[in-house]
Amino acid sequence: MVKVGYCGVWIRDHLCEVKEDYIQSMSSRYRSEMKETKNHVSSYHSFCKMVYVLESLGLLEFTREEPASRDWLKHRKYYRIKPGMENSLKWENPQKYYETKAT
C-alpha cells in the first residue's frame, strides 16, 4: 500500500506494476485513488512537475512517444523507472534531493 500523499512513491509503485505509462494516464489514476481515500489531490500541473523532478534525479527515463488520441492534443510521452533505481531513497522525498541538487 502506497503511503497516502507520497506522489513519488505512488509513481514508483505504479510503474513497477505497469512497466511504462504516460503522464495523463498516471495523473488520472493517481487523482482517482487519492479521491477515494479523501486525501489532497495534486493538480495535473503539479503531477507533471513531479515527473520532471523524478526524471531530473535519474529515477525515471523517457521511453517513447506516440500520437495522442486526438489531433489537438500533445503527443503522449511514456516513462519508466530507470533500471536499478527502483529502491532509491530519493522516491520518498524527491523534492529534498532535487533542491539539494540545485544548490
Protein backbone atom coordinates (compact mmCIF):
# COMPACT_ATOMS: atom_id res chain seq x y z
CA MET A 1 0.00 0.00 0.00
CA VAL A 2 1.34 3.39 -1.00
CA LYS A 3 1.75 6.00 1.70
CA VAL A 4 -1.03 8.48 1.16
CA GLY A 5 0.16 11.71 -0.37
CA TYR A 6 3.56 10.41 -1.43
CA CYS A 7 3.31 11.12 -5.13
CA GLY A 8 6.86 9.96 -5.91
CA VAL A 9 6.30 6.64 -4.14
CA TRP A 10 2.97 6.21 -5.90
CA ILE A 11 4.61 6.79 -9.32
CA ARG A 12 7.34 4.26 -8.48
CA ASP A 13 4.86 1.61 -7.36
CA HIS A 14 2.59 2.25 -10.34
CA LEU A 15 5.44 1.96 -12.84
CA CYS A 16 6.74 -1.19 -11.13
CA GLU A 17 3.30 -2.64 -11.78
CA VAL A 18 2.68 -1.45 -15.37
CA LYS A 19 6.33 -1.03 -16.56
CA GLU A 20 5.72 2.22 -18.51
CA ASP A 21 2.99 4.85 -18.77
CA TYR A 22 2.32 8.39 -19.93
CA ILE A 23 1.71 11.37 -17.65
CA GLN A 24 -2.01 11.91 -18.32
CA SER A 25 -2.78 8.26 -17.61
CA MET A 26 -0.73 8.24 -14.40
CA SER A 27 -2.19 11.55 -13.22
CA SER A 28 -5.77 10.41 -13.79
CA ARG A 29 -5.23 7.16 -11.91
CA TYR A 30 -3.40 8.91 -9.06
CA ARG A 31 -6.13 11.52 -8.71
CA SER A 32 -8.80 8.81 -8.69
CA GLU A 33 -7.04 6.81 -5.98
CA MET A 34 -6.41 9.88 -3.82
CA LYS A 35 -10.07 10.97 -4.10
CA GLU A 36 -11.14 7.51 -2.89
CA THR A 37 -9.04 7.99 0.24
CA LYS A 38 -10.38 11.55 0.67
CA ASN A 39 -6.87 12.97 0.64
CA HIS A 40 -5.45 16.04 -1.04
CA VAL A 41 -5.22 15.59 -4.80
CA SER A 42 -2.46 17.41 -6.62
CA SER A 43 -3.20 19.20 -9.86
CA TYR A 44 -2.17 17.87 -13.25
CA HIS A 45 0.45 20.62 -13.43
CA SER A 46 1.93 19.57 -10.07
CA PHE A 47 1.96 15.95 -11.20
CA CYS A 48 3.85 16.95 -14.37
CA LYS A 49 6.37 18.84 -12.25
CA MET A 50 6.88 15.74 -10.10
CA VAL A 51 7.60 13.63 -13.18
CA TYR A 52 10.12 16.29 -14.26
CA VAL A 53 11.80 16.19 -10.83
CA LEU A 54 11.94 12.39 -10.85
CA GLU A 55 13.44 12.41 -14.34
CA SER A 56 15.98 15.09 -13.32
CA LEU A 57 17.05 12.92 -10.38
CA GLY A 58 17.65 9.97 -12.69
CA LEU A 59 14.77 7.92 -11.28
CA LEU A 60 12.65 7.98 -14.44
CA GLU A 61 13.57 7.84 -18.08
CA PHE A 62 11.67 8.72 -21.24
CA THR A 63 11.00 5.61 -23.32
CA ARG A 64 8.91 6.59 -26.32
CA GLU A 65 6.41 8.98 -27.80
CA GLU A 66 3.23 8.29 -29.71
CA PRO A 67 0.48 10.42 -31.23
CA ALA A 68 -2.29 11.44 -28.87
CA SER A 69 -5.81 10.12 -29.27
CA ARG A 70 -6.96 13.47 -30.70
CA ASP A 71 -5.19 15.74 -33.17
CA TRP A 72 -5.35 18.80 -30.93
CA LEU A 73 -3.63 17.05 -28.01
CA LYS A 74 0.12 16.82 -27.47
CA HIS A 75 1.94 13.57 -28.14
CA ARG A 76 1.99 11.04 -25.36
CA LYS A 77 5.40 10.70 -23.74
CA TYR A 78 5.98 7.42 -21.95
CA TYR A 79 8.24 6.98 -18.94
CA ARG A 80 9.60 4.04 -16.96
CA ILE A 81 11.75 3.59 -13.91
CA LYS A 82 15.42 3.81 -14.80
CA PRO A 83 16.86 0.31 -14.31
CA GLY A 84 18.46 -0.08 -10.89
CA MET A 85 16.65 2.90 -9.36
CA GLU A 86 13.60 1.04 -8.03
CA ASN A 87 14.84 1.09 -4.42
CA SER A 88 16.43 4.53 -4.33
CA LEU A 89 15.71 6.56 -1.20
CA LYS A 90 15.01 9.54 -3.46
CA TRP A 91 11.47 8.25 -4.13
CA GLU A 92 10.47 9.03 -0.54
CA ASN A 93 11.24 12.75 -0.74
CA PRO A 94 12.27 13.74 -4.28
CA GLN A 95 11.88 17.48 -3.64
CA LYS A 96 14.56 17.34 -0.94
CA TYR A 97 17.07 15.71 -3.28
CA TYR A 98 16.10 17.98 -6.16
CA GLU A 99 16.62 21.13 -4.07
CA THR A 100 19.97 19.79 -2.83
CA LYS A 101 20.99 19.06 -6.43
CA ALA A 102 20.10 22.62 -7.49
CA THR A 103 22.32 24.28 -4.85
